[in-house]
Amino acid sequence: MIERYPIVWTGDLSDDCKAIWSGFMLRAEWEDGRRWWWAVSVIETGAEIASSNSDPRECCSGEDARLFAESAAREYFLRHLRRTTFVKRKR
């Protein structure tokens, strides 16, 4: 189901890019040296739900940064969907 809605990145994929997907903003940015930073935020509130700042995995490429951000957004989306579905069924 979720695979039907691809995440499309815009901007310079080798430096600073973003994607808007299912109410989330995903960002990936090359920092000094070999390190990449990534983050996922809820567009409506601006709340950051995941980022490389709290992820112990090494992120040394733009591809890694985008994949980590995509994974975090999908996981959060599926957890929220399950919670919402469970509450609706319970009523």
N, C-alpha and C. Protein backbone atom coordinates (compact mmCIF):
# COMPACT_ATOMS: atom_id res chain seq x y z
N MET A 1 0.81 -1.19 0.00
CA MET A 1 0.00 0.00 0.00
C MET A 1 0.86 1.27 0.00
N ILE A 2 1.75 1.38 0.93
CA ILE A 2 2.57 2.59 1.08
C ILE A 2 3.53 2.77 -0.10
N GLU A 3 3.89 1.67 -0.76
CA GLU A 3 4.81 1.73 -1.89
C GLU A 3 4.20 2.45 -3.08
N ARG A 4 2.88 2.55 -3.12
CA ARG A 4 2.21 3.25 -4.23
C ARG A 4 2.46 4.74 -4.22
N TYR A 5 2.96 5.25 -3.12
CA TYR A 5 3.19 6.69 -2.96
C TYR A 5 4.68 6.95 -2.81
N PRO A 6 5.38 7.07 -3.94
CA PRO A 6 6.83 7.24 -3.87
C PRO A 6 7.23 8.58 -3.25
N ILE A 7 8.38 8.60 -2.68
CA ILE A 7 8.95 9.82 -2.13
C ILE A 7 9.83 10.42 -3.23
N VAL A 8 9.52 11.66 -3.61
CA VAL A 8 10.24 12.32 -4.70
C VAL A 8 11.08 13.45 -4.12
N TRP A 9 12.36 13.37 -4.33
CA TRP A 9 13.29 14.37 -3.81
C TRP A 9 13.48 15.49 -4.83
N THR A 10 13.60 16.72 -4.33
CA THR A 10 13.87 17.88 -5.18
C THR A 10 15.09 18.61 -4.66
N GLY A 11 15.68 19.41 -5.52
CA GLY A 11 16.88 20.15 -5.13
C GLY A 11 18.12 19.42 -5.62
N ASP A 12 19.25 19.83 -5.11
CA ASP A 12 20.54 19.26 -5.50
C ASP A 12 20.81 18.01 -4.67
N LEU A 13 20.67 16.84 -5.27
CA LEU A 13 20.85 15.58 -4.54
C LEU A 13 22.27 15.39 -4.03
N SER A 14 23.21 16.17 -4.56
CA SER A 14 24.60 16.03 -4.10
C SER A 14 24.96 17.05 -3.02
N ASP A 15 23.97 17.85 -2.58
CA ASP A 15 24.27 18.86 -1.58
C ASP A 15 23.13 19.07 -0.58
N ASP A 16 22.00 19.54 -1.03
CA ASP A 16 20.90 19.91 -0.14
C ASP A 16 19.59 19.63 -0.87
N CYS A 17 18.79 18.72 -0.34
CA CYS A 17 17.55 18.36 -1.03
C CYS A 17 16.44 18.10 -0.01
N LYS A 18 15.21 18.08 -0.52
CA LYS A 18 14.07 17.84 0.36
C LYS A 18 13.00 17.08 -0.41
N ALA A 19 12.08 16.51 0.35
CA ALA A 19 10.93 15.82 -0.22
C ALA A 19 9.73 16.11 0.68
N ILE A 20 8.58 16.26 0.07
CA ILE A 20 7.32 16.41 0.79
C ILE A 20 6.54 15.12 0.54
N TRP A 21 6.13 14.45 1.61
CA TRP A 21 5.46 13.16 1.47
C TRP A 21 4.51 12.92 2.64
N SER A 22 3.27 12.69 2.36
CA SER A 22 2.25 12.30 3.35
C SER A 22 2.26 13.16 4.61
N GLY A 23 2.41 14.46 4.44
CA GLY A 23 2.40 15.37 5.59
C GLY A 23 3.74 15.54 6.27
N PHE A 24 4.79 14.99 5.68
CA PHE A 24 6.14 15.10 6.25
C PHE A 24 7.05 15.88 5.31
N MET A 25 8.02 16.57 5.89
CA MET A 25 9.11 17.14 5.12
C MET A 25 10.36 16.35 5.46
N LEU A 26 10.98 15.80 4.44
CA LEU A 26 12.22 15.06 4.60
C LEU A 26 13.33 15.92 4.04
N ARG A 27 14.46 16.00 4.74
CA ARG A 27 15.58 16.81 4.28
C ARG A 27 16.87 16.01 4.39
N ALA A 28 17.76 16.27 3.46
CA ALA A 28 19.10 15.68 3.48
C ALA A 28 20.08 16.76 3.05
N GLU A 29 21.17 16.89 3.79
CA GLU A 29 22.11 17.97 3.50
C GLU A 29 23.54 17.52 3.78
N TRP A 30 24.42 17.84 2.85
CA TRP A 30 25.83 17.52 3.02
C TRP A 30 26.44 18.54 3.95
N GLU A 31 27.14 18.03 4.96
CA GLU A 31 27.80 18.92 5.91
C GLU A 31 29.30 18.88 5.64
N ASP A 32 30.08 19.43 6.51
CA ASP A 32 31.53 19.45 6.34
C ASP A 32 32.10 18.06 6.18
N GLY A 33 33.10 17.96 5.34
CA GLY A 33 33.78 16.67 5.16
C GLY A 33 32.90 15.64 4.50
N ARG A 34 32.80 14.46 5.11
CA ARG A 34 32.06 13.36 4.52
C ARG A 34 30.71 13.13 5.17
N ARG A 35 30.35 13.92 6.15
CA ARG A 35 29.13 13.68 6.91
C ARG A 35 27.90 14.30 6.24
N TRP A 36 26.81 13.52 6.24
CA TRP A 36 25.51 13.99 5.77
C TRP A 36 24.55 14.07 6.95
N TRP A 37 23.69 15.06 6.92
CA TRP A 37 22.66 15.24 7.93
C TRP A 37 21.32 14.97 7.25
N TRP A 38 20.39 14.38 8.00
CA TRP A 38 19.03 14.18 7.48
C TRP A 38 18.04 14.40 8.61
N ALA A 39 16.81 14.73 8.25
CA ALA A 39 15.76 14.93 9.25
C ALA A 39 14.39 14.75 8.60
N VAL A 40 13.43 14.39 9.45
CA VAL A 40 12.03 14.26 9.04
C VAL A 40 11.20 15.07 10.03
N SER A 41 10.35 15.95 9.50
CA SER A 41 9.48 16.78 10.32
C SER A 41 8.04 16.65 9.87
N VAL A 42 7.13 16.88 10.81
CA VAL A 42 5.71 16.93 10.50
C VAL A 42 5.44 18.34 9.97
N ILE A 43 4.92 18.45 8.77
CA ILE A 43 4.73 19.77 8.16
C ILE A 43 3.77 20.63 8.98
N GLU A 44 2.67 20.06 9.42
CA GLU A 44 1.64 20.82 10.13
C GLU A 44 2.15 21.49 11.40
N THR A 45 3.00 20.79 12.14
CA THR A 45 3.47 21.31 13.43
C THR A 45 4.93 21.75 13.43
N GLY A 46 5.70 21.28 12.46
CA GLY A 46 7.13 21.55 12.44
C GLY A 46 7.92 20.65 13.37
N ALA A 47 7.25 19.73 14.05
CA ALA A 47 7.92 18.84 15.00
C ALA A 47 8.83 17.86 14.26
N GLU A 48 10.05 17.79 14.72
CA GLU A 48 11.00 16.83 14.14
C GLU A 48 10.74 15.46 14.75
N ILE A 49 10.53 14.46 13.90
CA ILE A 49 10.24 13.12 14.42
C ILE A 49 11.46 12.20 14.38
N ALA A 50 12.45 12.55 13.55
CA ALA A 50 13.67 11.75 13.48
C ALA A 50 14.74 12.57 12.77
N SER A 51 16.00 12.30 13.12
CA SER A 51 17.11 12.94 12.40
C SER A 51 18.41 12.21 12.67
N SER A 52 19.40 12.56 11.89
CA SER A 52 20.72 11.96 12.09
C SER A 52 21.34 12.40 13.40
N ASN A 53 20.83 13.49 13.98
CA ASN A 53 21.34 13.95 15.27
C ASN A 53 21.11 12.93 16.38
N SER A 54 20.07 12.12 16.25
CA SER A 54 19.77 11.11 17.28
C SER A 54 19.89 9.69 16.76
N ASP A 55 20.52 9.53 15.62
CA ASP A 55 20.69 8.21 15.01
C ASP A 55 22.17 7.83 15.06
N PRO A 56 22.52 6.71 15.67
CA PRO A 56 23.92 6.35 15.80
C PRO A 56 24.57 5.85 14.50
N ARG A 57 23.77 5.56 13.48
CA ARG A 57 24.34 5.06 12.23
C ARG A 57 25.15 6.15 11.53
N GLU A 58 26.24 5.74 10.91
CA GLU A 58 27.06 6.67 10.16
C GLU A 58 26.36 7.00 8.84
N CYS A 59 26.39 8.24 8.47
CA CYS A 59 25.71 8.68 7.25
C CYS A 59 26.73 9.40 6.39
N CYS A 60 27.30 8.69 5.41
CA CYS A 60 28.42 9.23 4.63
C CYS A 60 28.08 9.51 3.17
N SER A 61 26.82 9.41 2.80
CA SER A 61 26.45 9.72 1.41
C SER A 61 25.04 10.30 1.36
N GLY A 62 24.77 11.01 0.29
CA GLY A 62 23.43 11.54 0.10
C GLY A 62 22.41 10.44 -0.03
N GLU A 63 22.80 9.37 -0.69
CA GLU A 63 21.88 8.23 -0.83
C GLU A 63 21.52 7.65 0.53
N ASP A 64 22.52 7.48 1.40
CA ASP A 64 22.25 6.99 2.76
C ASP A 64 21.30 7.95 3.50
N ALA A 65 21.60 9.24 3.42
CA ALA A 65 20.78 10.23 4.13
C ALA A 65 19.33 10.16 3.66
N ARG A 66 19.13 10.08 2.36
CA ARG A 66 17.76 10.01 1.83
C ARG A 66 17.09 8.71 2.24
N LEU A 67 17.80 7.61 2.20
CA LEU A 67 17.22 6.32 2.61
C LEU A 67 16.86 6.30 4.09
N PHE A 68 17.72 6.85 4.94
CA PHE A 68 17.43 6.90 6.38
C PHE A 68 16.20 7.77 6.64
N ALA A 69 16.11 8.91 5.96
CA ALA A 69 14.95 9.80 6.14
C ALA A 69 13.67 9.12 5.64
N GLU A 70 13.75 8.47 4.49
CA GLU A 70 12.58 7.77 3.95
C GLU A 70 12.11 6.66 4.89
N SER A 71 13.05 5.91 5.40
CA SER A 71 12.72 4.82 6.32
C SER A 71 12.05 5.35 7.58
N ALA A 72 12.59 6.43 8.13
CA ALA A 72 12.02 7.02 9.35
C ALA A 72 10.61 7.54 9.10
N ALA A 73 10.39 8.19 7.96
CA ALA A 73 9.07 8.72 7.64
C ALA A 73 8.06 7.59 7.46
N ARG A 74 8.44 6.56 6.75
CA ARG A 74 7.52 5.43 6.52
C ARG A 74 7.19 4.70 7.82
N GLU A 75 8.21 4.48 8.65
CA GLU A 75 7.98 3.81 9.93
C GLU A 75 7.02 4.61 10.81
N TYR A 76 7.24 5.91 10.89
CA TYR A 76 6.38 6.78 11.69
C TYR A 76 4.96 6.76 11.14
N PHE A 77 4.83 6.87 9.83
CA PHE A 77 3.53 6.85 9.17
C PHE A 77 2.78 5.55 9.48
N LEU A 78 3.46 4.41 9.35
CA LEU A 78 2.81 3.13 9.60
C LEU A 78 2.42 2.95 11.06
N ARG A 79 3.26 3.40 11.99
CA ARG A 79 2.91 3.33 13.41
C ARG A 79 1.68 4.17 13.71
N HIS A 80 1.64 5.38 13.16
CA HIS A 80 0.50 6.27 13.37
C HIS A 80 -0.77 5.69 12.75
N LEU A 81 -0.64 5.11 11.57
CA LEU A 81 -1.78 4.51 10.88
C LEU A 81 -2.33 3.34 11.69
N ARG A 82 -1.45 2.51 12.22
CA ARG A 82 -1.89 1.36 13.03
C ARG A 82 -2.64 1.83 14.27
N ARG A 83 -2.12 2.87 14.94
CA ARG A 83 -2.75 3.40 16.14
C ARG A 83 -4.14 3.95 15.81
N THR A 84 -4.24 4.70 14.73
CA THR A 84 -5.52 5.28 14.31
C THR A 84 -6.51 4.18 13.94
N THR A 85 -6.05 3.17 13.22
CA THR A 85 -6.90 2.05 12.81
C THR A 85 -7.39 1.29 14.03
N PHE A 86 -6.51 1.06 15.00
CA PHE A 86 -6.88 0.33 16.21
C PHE A 86 -7.95 1.09 16.99
N VAL A 87 -7.78 2.40 17.11
CA VAL A 87 -8.75 3.20 17.86
C VAL A 87 -10.10 3.18 17.16
N LYS A 88 -10.12 3.28 15.84
CA LYS A 88 -11.38 3.25 15.11
C LYS A 88 -12.10 1.91 15.26
N ARG A 89 -11.35 0.83 15.20
CA ARG A 89 -11.94 -0.50 15.34
C ARG A 89 -12.49 -0.73 16.73
N LYS A 90 -11.85 -0.14 17.72
CA LYS A 90 -12.21 -0.36 19.12
C LYS A 90 -13.57 0.24 19.45
N ARG A 91 -13.97 1.26 18.75
CA ARG A 91 -15.23 1.96 19.06
C ARG A 91 -16.43 1.15 18.73
